[in-house]
Each structure stands twice: as C-alpha cells, then as structure tokens.
Amino acid sequence: MELRLLTNENDRRIFAARTEQIRAKHGVGFKERSRSRLARIHLNYGNLYALFEHDGDPAEKMIAGLVMHDLEMFPQTCPRPDLSHLPPRSVLEVSELWSRAIGAGALARAGAAILAGLLDARAILAYLGVRPFDGTPFYRATGFVNAGEPVEYPYLETLQGESIWAQPMILEGESLAKLTRVFSQLIIETNDDFSVLRFKNFLKGKSAGGRPAFVDEAPAVDSTMVHAENAAVLQ
C-alpha cells in the first residue's frame, strides 16, 4: 500500500472531487452548510493524503483519502478541546476521510497512525459524528477517548437540514505510542520527508462485509460500511 502526500494541484483537485463524489453517491448523511467554507480551507491548505493499492499508481486510482493538519498550520476546527498545553505542531487533526473500496478506510487510518509516529505527534484529534449518527465505536476501540462533551457542529448539517452533534476525541500518551508502535511494524519504506509511505496490506486475503477487500464500491455495497468509513470523521 502507498499513502502519498498530494502536492500537485491536479492531484489535489482529483482528491477534492473524489471526496464530493463519494459522499454524494452514497448519501452518507450530511452536507456542508451553505455558508461554510471549512471544507475549502481543509482541502486548500491541509495535507491531503491519498491511499493507493499499488506503488506509483496515478492519482485517478486513489482508493481512499484523508486530510491532516497540525495546529501550527491553522487552528483546530472547533474551540474545544483546549489543547494549549501541547506544542501546536505536535497535534494532528484528521478530517475528510473517505474511501471507495471496502477496507481502504481502515488502511488509510493505519497509514495516518504510522505518520503520526514518524512526525513525533503527541496527540491526534478528530471530531466524530455522535448524533444523529454515531461514528465513535471504531475510534474508541483503537484508544481514542472523549475530549469533553459533544458539541453542536457549526459547519455541517444532515441532508434534511438538521443539526449534527460531534464528539471531540483524542488519542495521546501511551495509547498513541502503542498504536504507532503496532502499525510501524507494517512499514516497508518511506522517504526523508515522509511524503510517501509504503506499508504492508494487513487486510490482504481477508474479506470485509462478506466481500474481498478492495472491491470498488458499487450501488449494491453495504451502506453501513460506507457510512462508517465516510461519515465517521467530520469535516
């Protein structure tokens, strides 16, 4: 597997279009509010990472993606939690997670955990939908904990125009160190600036939802899995 930082503007445009296409195609339950510009900020100024099944695949073949930024690049999405006790550069916020192949979302998250270790991150922050849909269980299972109470998310709404509540969650300390240690064993190679990370496909030969991993999602795909991989991490 290859997780690649996208620096070419055309590649970044493909990433942005894919994000929009996947959400529209599968109706993952939310949309950006009409006056919000948050997604544009993340996509224009964040670090866009795309996952590819084969090394060197062109941008058109990306099968999953996510955005990461540290708090030195620009602030966290919501005022809470208060992370001022940590150096801004050491806190990574993850957003805009999407996938178009079953299992690819889990592998993209694994790649993000590896990067967190390589970048000496001290915390990973994510805002997970908790009402009216709950995207928190997977993250709790990997060591994320609640960082305060749920907040009404100001940038998104359901497809029916209703408010969405998000649970700020954080992974830090020994839980973060343990996760990065485990996933670092999958590293095959990386370059000096960590813009290209190649790691073992720990799902190879396994199945997800009764289907082989990396089957391109089609209209008959398990909608609950699509919801979990694409709706869990809010913008």
Protein backbone atom coordinates (compact mmCIF):
# COMPACT_ATOMS: atom_id res chain seq x y z
CA MET A 1 0.00 0.00 0.00
CA GLU A 2 1.15 3.53 -0.63
CA LEU A 3 -0.04 6.59 1.29
CA ARG A 4 1.07 9.66 -0.64
CA LEU A 5 1.02 13.35 0.18
CA LEU A 6 -0.55 15.15 -2.77
CA THR A 7 1.34 18.29 -3.77
CA ASN A 8 0.41 18.55 -7.44
CA GLU A 9 -2.61 20.82 -7.90
CA ASN A 10 -4.27 18.47 -10.37
CA ASP A 11 -3.91 15.57 -7.92
CA ARG A 12 -5.42 17.70 -5.16
CA ARG A 13 -8.35 18.60 -7.42
CA ILE A 14 -8.95 14.89 -8.06
CA PHE A 15 -8.90 14.28 -4.31
CA ALA A 16 -11.45 17.06 -3.69
CA ALA A 17 -13.69 15.80 -6.48
CA ARG A 18 -13.48 12.23 -5.19
CA THR A 19 -14.44 13.38 -1.70
CA GLU A 20 -17.55 15.07 -3.05
CA GLN A 21 -18.42 12.19 -5.39
CA ILE A 22 -18.22 9.51 -2.71
CA ARG A 23 -20.42 11.44 -0.31
CA ALA A 24 -22.98 12.26 -3.00
CA LYS A 25 -23.02 8.72 -4.37
CA HIS A 26 -23.64 7.01 -1.08
CA GLY A 27 -25.63 9.64 0.78
CA VAL A 28 -23.52 9.41 3.91
CA GLY A 29 -25.92 11.52 5.89
CA PHE A 30 -24.51 15.04 5.94
CA LYS A 31 -23.60 18.01 3.82
CA GLU A 32 -21.74 21.25 4.35
CA ARG A 33 -23.84 24.23 5.40
CA SER A 34 -24.38 26.67 2.56
CA ARG A 35 -22.22 29.43 4.06
CA SER A 36 -19.48 27.18 5.44
CA ARG A 37 -16.01 27.36 3.90
CA LEU A 38 -14.40 24.80 6.19
CA ALA A 39 -14.03 22.04 3.60
CA ARG A 40 -12.38 24.51 1.24
CA ILE A 41 -9.90 25.52 3.95
CA HIS A 42 -9.03 21.89 4.71
CA LEU A 43 -8.72 20.93 1.05
CA ASN A 44 -6.76 24.03 0.05
CA TYR A 45 -4.41 24.30 2.99
CA GLY A 46 -4.33 20.92 4.72
CA ASN A 47 -2.08 17.98 3.93
CA LEU A 48 -4.03 15.73 1.57
CA TYR A 49 -3.02 12.08 1.75
CA ALA A 50 -4.31 9.55 -0.78
CA LEU A 51 -4.10 5.78 -0.47
CA PHE A 52 -3.15 3.62 -3.44
CA GLU A 53 -3.19 -0.14 -3.72
CA HIS A 54 -0.04 -0.19 -5.87
CA ASP A 55 3.11 1.90 -5.60
CA GLY A 56 3.25 4.75 -8.07
CA ASP A 57 -0.40 4.50 -9.16
CA PRO A 58 -1.68 7.68 -10.83
CA ALA A 59 -3.98 9.98 -8.86
CA GLU A 60 -7.04 8.63 -10.66
CA LYS A 61 -6.52 5.30 -8.89
CA MET A 62 -6.66 6.60 -5.31
CA ILE A 63 -8.90 4.34 -3.24
CA ALA A 64 -9.09 6.34 -0.01
CA GLY A 65 -8.02 9.65 1.39
CA LEU A 66 -7.83 11.85 4.44
CA VAL A 67 -6.69 15.34 5.38
CA MET A 68 -4.31 16.09 8.22
CA HIS A 69 -3.08 19.39 9.57
CA ASP A 70 -1.17 20.29 12.67
CA LEU A 71 -2.27 23.21 14.81
CA GLU A 72 0.70 25.28 13.76
CA MET A 73 -0.58 25.21 10.16
CA PHE A 74 -4.02 26.51 11.17
CA PRO A 75 -6.29 26.14 14.20
CA GLN A 76 -8.37 23.15 15.19
CA THR A 77 -11.87 23.02 13.73
CA CYS A 78 -13.75 23.72 16.98
CA PRO A 79 -12.56 25.68 20.06
CA ARG A 80 -12.88 22.59 22.22
CA PRO A 81 -10.98 20.72 23.49
CA ASP A 82 -8.35 23.03 24.95
CA LEU A 83 -5.01 21.67 23.73
CA SER A 84 -2.95 24.73 24.57
CA HIS A 85 -0.74 22.64 26.89
CA LEU A 86 0.73 20.89 23.84
CA PRO A 87 3.03 22.40 21.21
CA PRO A 88 0.75 23.25 18.25
CA ARG A 89 2.97 21.39 15.80
CA SER A 90 2.61 18.20 17.83
CA VAL A 91 -1.18 17.99 17.50
CA LEU A 92 -2.57 16.46 14.30
CA GLU A 93 -6.22 16.90 13.37
CA VAL A 94 -7.64 14.31 10.96
CA SER A 95 -10.61 15.15 8.73
CA GLU A 96 -12.25 14.49 5.34
CA LEU A 97 -11.85 10.69 5.50
CA TRP A 98 -13.36 8.85 2.53
CA SER A 99 -12.90 5.52 0.77
CA ARG A 100 -14.12 3.92 -2.42
CA ALA A 101 -13.03 0.34 -1.76
CA ILE A 102 -14.08 -1.87 1.12
CA GLY A 103 -11.36 -1.94 3.77
CA ALA A 104 -9.48 1.02 2.32
CA GLY A 105 -10.69 3.36 5.05
CA ALA A 106 -9.16 1.16 7.75
CA LEU A 107 -5.86 1.06 5.87
CA ALA A 108 -5.86 4.85 5.42
CA ARG A 109 -6.33 5.22 9.19
CA ALA A 110 -3.43 2.81 9.75
CA GLY A 111 -1.27 4.93 7.46
CA ALA A 112 -2.23 8.04 9.42
CA ALA A 113 -1.19 6.33 12.66
CA ILE A 114 2.18 5.42 11.14
CA LEU A 115 2.67 9.03 10.02
CA ALA A 116 1.80 10.28 13.49
CA GLY A 117 4.66 8.23 14.87
CA LEU A 118 7.10 9.36 12.18
CA LEU A 119 6.14 13.00 12.75
CA ASP A 120 6.54 12.73 16.54
CA ALA A 121 2.93 13.73 17.13
CA ARG A 122 1.84 13.93 20.74
CA ALA A 123 -1.89 13.86 20.02
CA ILE A 124 -4.33 13.05 17.22
CA LEU A 125 -7.60 14.95 17.26
CA ALA A 126 -10.80 14.03 15.44
CA TYR A 127 -14.39 15.24 15.53
CA LEU A 128 -16.69 12.23 15.26
CA GLY A 129 -20.37 12.35 14.48
CA VAL A 130 -22.34 11.25 17.54
CA ARG A 131 -25.89 12.46 16.79
CA PRO A 132 -27.93 11.63 14.72
CA PHE A 133 -25.31 9.03 13.61
CA ASP A 134 -22.54 7.58 15.76
CA GLY A 135 -19.09 7.25 14.24
CA THR A 136 -17.20 6.79 17.51
CA PRO A 137 -17.03 2.98 18.15
CA PHE A 138 -14.08 2.22 15.84
CA TYR A 139 -12.06 5.05 17.34
CA ARG A 140 -12.79 4.03 20.91
CA ALA A 141 -11.54 0.56 20.04
CA THR A 142 -8.19 1.99 18.91
CA GLY A 143 -7.64 4.09 22.04
CA PHE A 144 -9.34 7.41 21.31
CA VAL A 145 -11.13 8.93 24.30
CA ASN A 146 -13.70 11.69 24.64
CA ALA A 147 -12.22 15.16 24.95
CA GLY A 148 -15.09 16.92 26.69
CA GLU A 149 -18.77 16.85 25.90
CA PRO A 150 -20.33 16.67 22.39
CA VAL A 151 -20.58 19.98 20.57
CA GLU A 152 -23.09 21.17 18.01
CA TYR A 153 -21.07 21.12 14.83
CA PRO A 154 -21.37 24.50 13.12
CA TYR A 155 -20.22 23.57 9.62
CA LEU A 156 -22.36 20.57 8.66
CA GLU A 157 -26.00 19.55 8.69
CA THR A 158 -27.92 16.41 7.83
CA LEU A 159 -29.34 16.01 4.34
CA GLN A 160 -32.65 17.17 5.87
CA GLY A 161 -31.05 20.36 7.25
CA GLU A 162 -30.90 19.25 10.89
CA SER A 163 -28.05 19.94 13.29
CA ILE A 164 -25.23 17.45 13.76
CA TRP A 165 -23.51 16.90 17.08
CA ALA A 166 -19.85 15.91 17.17
CA GLN A 167 -17.81 14.23 19.86
CA PRO A 168 -14.26 15.61 20.07
CA MET A 169 -11.95 12.64 20.58
CA ILE A 170 -8.24 12.50 21.16
CA LEU A 171 -5.53 9.86 21.08
CA GLU A 172 -2.44 10.68 23.11
CA GLY A 173 0.05 9.38 25.64
CA GLU A 174 0.63 5.66 25.93
CA SER A 175 -2.42 4.83 23.78
CA LEU A 176 -0.94 6.81 20.88
CA ALA A 177 2.53 5.35 21.44
CA LYS A 178 1.13 1.80 21.48
CA LEU A 179 -0.86 2.29 18.28
CA THR A 180 2.06 3.83 16.40
CA ARG A 181 4.37 1.04 17.60
CA VAL A 182 1.99 -1.62 16.35
CA PHE A 183 1.42 -0.05 12.93
CA SER A 184 5.07 0.95 12.47
CA GLN A 185 5.84 -2.75 12.09
CA LEU A 186 4.00 -2.58 8.76
CA ILE A 187 6.39 -0.03 7.23
CA ILE A 188 8.11 -1.15 4.05
CA GLU A 189 9.80 2.14 3.19
CA THR A 190 9.37 5.89 3.33
CA ASN A 191 11.27 8.89 2.04
CA ASP A 192 13.08 11.54 4.06
CA ASP A 193 10.15 13.95 4.37
CA PHE A 194 7.54 11.19 4.83
CA SER A 195 5.56 12.38 1.81
CA VAL A 196 5.47 8.79 0.53
CA LEU A 197 4.80 5.92 2.90
CA ARG A 198 4.68 2.31 1.75
CA PHE A 199 3.37 -0.28 4.17
CA LYS A 200 2.08 -3.83 4.21
CA ASN A 201 -1.57 -4.50 3.43
CA PHE A 202 -2.68 -6.25 6.61
CA LEU A 203 -6.09 -6.95 5.01
CA LYS A 204 -4.65 -8.81 2.04
CA GLY A 205 -6.50 -12.07 1.52
CA LYS A 206 -9.15 -11.11 4.07
CA SER A 207 -12.69 -10.01 3.45
CA ALA A 208 -14.84 -7.21 4.77
CA GLY A 209 -18.60 -7.35 4.93
CA GLY A 210 -18.57 -10.67 3.09
CA ARG A 211 -16.70 -9.23 0.11
CA PRO A 212 -12.98 -9.25 -0.76
CA ALA A 213 -11.15 -6.14 0.37
CA PHE A 214 -10.58 -3.55 -2.36
CA VAL A 215 -13.65 -4.32 -4.38
CA ASP A 216 -14.68 -0.95 -5.82
CA GLU A 217 -17.87 0.16 -4.21
CA ALA A 218 -20.94 -0.26 -6.38
CA PRO A 219 -24.61 0.57 -5.78
CA ALA A 220 -25.08 -2.75 -4.01
CA VAL A 221 -22.30 -2.09 -1.47
CA ASP A 222 -23.06 -2.46 2.24
CA SER A 223 -24.26 1.04 3.09
CA THR A 224 -23.47 0.65 6.77
CA MET A 225 -19.79 0.16 5.98
CA VAL A 226 -19.75 3.13 3.66
CA HIS A 227 -21.39 5.21 6.39
CA ALA A 228 -18.81 4.09 8.93
CA GLU A 229 -15.83 4.85 6.72
CA ASN A 230 -17.03 8.13 5.23
CA ALA A 231 -19.26 9.70 7.85
CA ALA A 232 -17.27 8.99 10.98
CA VAL A 233 -14.72 11.79 10.69
CA LEU A 234 -16.50 15.07 10.10
CA GLN A 235 -15.07 17.91 8.07
